[in-house]
Protein backbone atom coordinates (compact mmCIF):
# COMPACT_ATOMS: atom_id res chain seq x y z
CA MET A 1 86.41 -121.53 -105.86
CA VAL A 2 85.13 -119.07 -103.15
CA PHE A 3 81.47 -120.16 -103.77
CA PHE A 4 82.46 -123.92 -103.24
CA ILE A 5 84.40 -122.96 -100.24
CA SER A 6 81.40 -121.22 -98.60
CA VAL A 7 79.25 -124.10 -99.47
CA LEU A 8 81.77 -126.60 -97.78
CA PHE A 9 81.96 -124.38 -94.62
CA CYS A 10 78.04 -123.88 -94.55
CA ALA A 11 77.76 -127.68 -94.87
CA LEU A 12 80.26 -128.44 -92.22
CA ALA A 13 78.50 -125.96 -89.71
CA TYR A 14 75.18 -127.47 -90.36
CA ILE A 15 76.75 -131.09 -89.66
CA ASN A 16 78.05 -129.59 -86.38
CA PHE A 17 74.82 -128.09 -85.30
CA TYR A 18 73.12 -131.49 -86.25
CA TYR A 19 75.17 -133.91 -84.19
CA ALA A 20 75.49 -131.15 -81.40
CA GLN A 21 71.78 -131.12 -81.13
CA ARG A 22 71.51 -134.67 -80.97
CA ILE A 23 74.20 -134.84 -78.26
CA GLU A 24 72.39 -132.37 -76.32
CA ALA A 25 69.07 -134.14 -76.80
CA GLN A 26 70.48 -137.35 -75.40
CA MET A 27 71.93 -135.39 -72.41
CA GLN A 28 68.50 -134.20 -71.45
CA TYR A 29 67.64 -137.84 -71.23
CA GLU A 30 70.52 -138.72 -69.12
CA GLU A 31 69.70 -135.85 -66.72
CA MET A 32 66.18 -136.96 -66.42
CA LYS A 33 66.86 -140.36 -65.21
CA PRO A 34 66.52 -140.68 -61.52
CA VAL A 35 69.67 -141.88 -59.96
CA GLU A 36 67.72 -144.49 -58.33
CA THR A 37 66.57 -146.16 -61.71
CA LEU A 38 70.19 -146.76 -62.61
CA LYS A 39 70.56 -148.75 -59.44
CA ALA A 40 67.39 -150.41 -59.77
CA ARG A 41 67.65 -153.55 -57.56
CA ASN A 42 65.90 -156.92 -57.30
CA VAL A 43 63.43 -156.56 -54.44
CA GLN A 44 61.99 -160.06 -54.89
CA GLU A 45 64.88 -161.87 -53.55
CA VAL A 46 68.06 -160.36 -51.70
CA LEU A 47 70.92 -162.81 -51.78
CA PRO A 48 73.23 -163.24 -48.95
CA GLU A 49 76.84 -162.39 -49.35
CA ALA A 50 78.11 -163.42 -52.92
CA GLY A 51 80.19 -166.69 -52.62
CA SER A 52 78.87 -167.78 -49.52
CA GLU A 53 77.10 -171.16 -49.19
CA GLU A 54 73.93 -169.33 -48.30
CA ALA A 55 74.30 -167.48 -51.57
CA ALA A 56 74.78 -170.59 -53.51
CA MET A 57 71.70 -172.33 -51.97
CA GLU A 58 69.41 -169.25 -52.55
CA GLU A 59 70.36 -168.85 -56.22
CA ALA A 60 69.75 -172.66 -56.66
CA ARG A 61 66.31 -172.17 -55.07
CA GLN A 62 65.53 -169.17 -57.32
CA ALA A 63 66.49 -171.24 -60.25
CA GLU A 64 64.51 -173.92 -59.04
CA ASP A 65 61.33 -171.86 -58.49
CA ASN A 66 61.76 -170.03 -61.82
CA LEU A 67 61.24 -166.66 -60.21
CA ILE A 68 60.75 -163.71 -62.39
CA PRO A 69 62.97 -160.80 -60.81
CA ARG A 70 61.22 -157.74 -59.70
CA ARG A 71 62.85 -154.27 -59.70
CA GLU A 72 62.04 -151.72 -57.06
CA ASN A 73 59.97 -148.76 -58.78
CA MET A 74 61.72 -145.67 -57.61
CA VAL A 75 60.82 -143.37 -60.50
CA ASP A 76 59.97 -139.90 -59.38
CA PHE A 77 56.83 -139.22 -61.50
CA GLU A 78 56.24 -135.88 -59.83
CA ALA A 79 59.48 -134.61 -60.82
CA LEU A 80 59.20 -135.94 -64.29
CA GLY A 81 55.59 -134.29 -64.63
CA GLY A 82 57.19 -131.03 -63.97
CA ILE A 83 59.34 -131.65 -67.06
CA ASN A 84 56.55 -132.81 -69.38
CA GLU A 85 53.00 -134.02 -68.35
CA ASP A 86 52.78 -136.31 -71.18
CA ILE A 87 55.37 -138.57 -69.53
CA TYR A 88 53.19 -141.46 -68.05
CA ALA A 89 55.62 -144.49 -67.59
CA TRP A 90 59.33 -145.57 -67.63
CA LEU A 91 60.76 -148.15 -69.87
CA GLN A 92 63.78 -150.22 -68.84
CA ILE A 93 65.30 -153.06 -70.44
CA PRO A 94 68.31 -154.78 -68.43
CA GLY A 95 71.26 -155.51 -70.76
CA THR A 96 70.32 -152.73 -73.19
CA MET A 97 70.42 -148.97 -73.54
CA VAL A 98 66.83 -148.79 -73.25
CA ASP A 99 66.03 -146.62 -70.12
CA TYR A 100 63.79 -143.90 -70.92
CA PRO A 101 60.41 -142.26 -70.26
CA VAL A 102 57.45 -143.19 -72.20
CA LEU A 103 55.26 -140.35 -73.67
CA GLN A 104 51.99 -139.82 -75.25
CA HIS A 105 50.75 -136.71 -76.95
CA PRO A 106 46.94 -135.90 -76.27
CA SER A 107 46.30 -134.80 -79.67
CA ASP A 108 49.27 -135.56 -82.11
CA ASP A 109 50.23 -139.01 -82.33
CA ALA A 110 53.22 -138.33 -84.30
CA TYR A 111 54.53 -135.37 -82.10
CA TYR A 112 57.19 -137.47 -80.33
CA LEU A 113 58.45 -139.10 -83.29
CA ASN A 114 60.43 -135.85 -83.84
CA HIS A 115 60.52 -134.16 -80.28
CA THR A 116 62.18 -135.05 -77.02
CA ALA A 117 60.47 -135.14 -73.85
CA GLU A 118 61.90 -131.52 -73.41
CA HIS A 119 60.15 -130.50 -76.80
CA THR A 120 63.49 -130.21 -78.60
CA ALA A 121 62.52 -130.81 -82.24
CA GLY A 122 64.53 -133.44 -84.26
CA LEU A 123 66.37 -136.65 -83.39
CA PRO A 124 66.62 -138.70 -81.30
CA GLY A 125 62.88 -138.05 -80.57
CA SER A 126 61.16 -140.09 -77.71
CA ILE A 127 59.94 -143.22 -76.86
CA TYR A 128 56.30 -142.90 -77.50
CA SER A 129 52.59 -144.54 -77.76
CA GLU A 130 49.78 -143.48 -79.68
CA SER A 131 46.27 -142.31 -78.07
CA VAL A 132 44.84 -145.67 -79.43
CA HIS A 133 46.60 -147.30 -76.42
CA PRO A 134 45.42 -146.65 -72.75
CA LYS A 135 48.22 -145.36 -70.59
CA ASP A 136 47.49 -148.24 -68.06
CA PHE A 137 48.97 -150.80 -70.50
CA SER A 138 45.47 -152.72 -70.28
CA ALA A 139 45.44 -153.07 -74.25
CA VAL A 140 45.95 -156.49 -75.69
CA ASN A 141 48.71 -155.25 -77.60
CA THR A 142 50.36 -151.94 -76.51
CA VAL A 143 52.93 -150.62 -79.23
CA LEU A 144 55.78 -148.50 -78.24
CA TYR A 145 57.78 -146.49 -81.00
CA GLY A 146 61.39 -145.52 -80.87
CA HIS A 147 64.23 -144.52 -83.35
CA ASN A 148 66.75 -146.88 -84.49
CA MET A 149 69.77 -144.59 -83.56
CA LYS A 150 73.17 -145.41 -84.92
CA ASN A 151 74.79 -144.95 -81.51
CA GLY A 152 72.59 -147.57 -79.84
CA THR A 153 70.32 -144.82 -78.04
CA MET A 154 66.67 -144.90 -78.07
CA PHE A 155 65.53 -148.34 -79.71
CA GLY A 156 68.87 -148.89 -81.44
CA SER A 157 70.30 -151.29 -78.94
CA LEU A 158 66.87 -153.64 -79.70
CA HIS A 159 68.84 -154.97 -82.73
CA GLU A 160 71.01 -156.90 -80.34
CA TYR A 161 68.01 -159.20 -79.89
CA GLU A 162 68.72 -160.59 -83.40
CA GLU A 163 71.61 -162.74 -81.79
CA GLN A 164 70.09 -165.59 -80.07
CA GLU A 165 72.69 -165.66 -77.13
CA PHE A 166 71.76 -161.96 -76.43
CA PHE A 167 68.06 -162.96 -76.77
CA ASP A 168 68.32 -165.68 -74.30
CA GLU A 169 70.38 -163.71 -71.62
CA ASN A 170 68.17 -160.67 -71.69
CA PRO A 171 64.48 -161.80 -71.52
CA TYR A 172 62.64 -159.21 -69.42
CA ILE A 173 61.16 -155.60 -70.04
CA TYR A 174 60.29 -153.44 -67.03
CA ILE A 175 57.43 -150.70 -67.36
CA PHE A 176 57.47 -148.58 -64.23
CA CYS A 177 54.06 -146.60 -63.85
CA PRO A 178 53.09 -144.12 -60.99
CA ASP A 179 51.40 -146.83 -59.07
CA ARG A 180 52.60 -150.04 -60.32
CA THR A 181 55.38 -152.09 -62.39
CA PHE A 182 54.78 -154.33 -65.24
CA VAL A 183 57.39 -157.08 -66.16
CA TYR A 184 57.07 -158.58 -69.59
CA GLU A 185 58.94 -161.62 -70.96
CA ILE A 186 60.27 -161.26 -74.42
CA PHE A 187 59.18 -164.33 -76.78
CA ALA A 188 60.15 -162.82 -80.12
CA ALA A 189 62.56 -160.66 -81.93
CA SER A 190 61.44 -160.14 -85.67
CA LYS A 191 61.56 -158.40 -88.75
CA PHE A 192 57.98 -157.21 -89.89
CA SER A 193 56.35 -155.12 -92.65
CA ASP A 194 55.72 -151.21 -92.07
CA ALA A 195 52.07 -152.15 -91.76
CA TYR A 196 50.42 -149.92 -89.02
CA LEU A 197 50.35 -152.48 -86.09
CA PRO A 198 47.11 -151.12 -84.28
CA ASP A 199 45.06 -152.00 -87.41
CA TYR A 200 47.34 -154.96 -88.71
CA CYS A 201 44.92 -157.54 -86.73
CA ASP A 202 41.90 -157.15 -84.38
CA CYS A 203 43.90 -158.41 -81.33
CA GLU A 204 40.63 -158.37 -79.36
CA GLN A 205 39.54 -161.10 -81.24
CA GLU A 206 41.13 -164.64 -80.86
CA ASP A 207 41.32 -165.13 -84.56
CA GLY A 208 43.10 -161.76 -84.95
CA PHE A 209 45.29 -162.46 -81.87
CA ASP A 210 46.42 -165.74 -83.28
CA ALA A 211 46.97 -164.26 -86.59
CA TYR A 212 49.45 -161.37 -85.17
CA ILE A 213 51.23 -163.81 -83.09
CA ARG A 214 51.85 -166.13 -86.14
CA ALA A 215 52.92 -163.20 -88.17
CA ILE A 216 55.36 -162.23 -85.69
CA LYS A 217 56.84 -165.81 -85.43
CA GLU A 218 57.16 -166.15 -89.40
CA GLY A 219 59.53 -163.18 -89.43
CA ALA A 220 61.49 -164.14 -86.09
CA TYR A 221 65.25 -164.11 -85.99
CA CYS A 222 64.76 -165.54 -82.38
CA TRP A 223 61.64 -167.21 -80.82
CA ASN A 224 61.21 -168.60 -77.30
CA ASP A 225 59.01 -171.51 -77.39
CA GLU A 226 58.97 -171.75 -73.59
CA VAL A 227 57.03 -168.58 -73.23
CA GLU A 228 53.14 -169.32 -73.68
CA VAL A 229 51.28 -166.45 -75.44
CA PRO A 230 47.62 -167.64 -75.27
CA PHE A 231 44.69 -165.49 -76.36
CA GLY A 232 43.77 -163.04 -73.37
CA SER A 233 47.47 -162.35 -72.80
CA ARG A 234 48.48 -158.72 -72.72
CA VAL A 235 51.37 -158.05 -75.16
CA LEU A 236 53.93 -155.44 -75.44
CA THR A 237 55.45 -154.66 -78.86
CA LEU A 238 58.52 -152.49 -79.29
CA SER A 239 58.94 -151.04 -82.92
CA THR A 240 61.87 -149.30 -84.65
CA CYS A 241 63.30 -149.13 -88.06
CA VAL A 242 65.68 -151.43 -90.14
CA ALA A 243 68.70 -149.71 -91.44
CA GLY A 244 68.44 -149.28 -95.40
CA GLU A 245 65.13 -150.97 -95.41
CA GLY A 246 62.22 -148.36 -95.36
CA GLU A 247 59.42 -150.90 -95.77
CA SER A 248 60.65 -153.06 -92.83
CA ARG A 249 60.44 -152.71 -89.07
CA PHE A 250 62.17 -154.57 -86.23
CA LEU A 251 59.85 -155.68 -83.49
CA VAL A 252 60.79 -157.23 -80.11
CA THR A 253 57.74 -158.52 -78.78
CA ALA A 254 56.78 -159.82 -75.04
CA VAL A 255 54.02 -160.94 -72.90
CA LEU A 256 52.89 -159.87 -69.62
CA ALA A 257 54.52 -162.08 -67.04
CA ASP A 258 54.19 -160.06 -63.73
CA GLU A 259 52.57 -157.00 -62.16
CA TYR A 260 52.86 -155.65 -58.76
CA GLU A 261 52.04 -152.32 -56.93
CA LYS A 262 54.38 -149.61 -56.12
CA GLU A 263 55.48 -149.74 -52.42
CA PRO A 264 54.66 -146.39 -50.59
């Protein structure tokens, strides 16, 4: 009995430590977020006072022009570099919990799978890319990875894109870089195999690119036919796990729709 009680207390202590470590890691990310990123505003169009006739006219004009909303890039990369020089971008998806730095380790592609941006080992890890992808997002298909956390952090909230209404209402992904901002428009939310995506197809070639887009569409929960993704487009793929399905991945895929320089 004493033995089993000791084992029970050890197990409870481990569980408490495990979850405390995860909470601490998430708090690191919250503290890392510049206040300005939480208040990122649309700088392409500033509407008049809500409810006014001018506001209604401006909203109608924006809808008619089908403008892609721009967000001001106010990320302090100098401060982030002081925390970790591997941080090279900031990922934000309005409507989700995704609001994190993006990292790339210079020699170990798997390092940030199990390390936070402050080098804390274990979950929740980081949002990261592998060295096969240039950090200027010039690759035909840039893949970012993140854990599917049960509390919705990291890439856990991406699974909301399995629902058509959420998919339709939250179409944009923002990548803030030190000198510019990339805006991607989501065209698919899909279940995929656990194939290594950079080698799945040669997206530099038209046949390979088309094959990748077809494969994404075949497993799509949601698909936007109005978004064109011709060969020559630059695609962003967000990859995370599917709970209970070790051989499956959930992908949110978007195409570059806008790019603009960071204002001084």
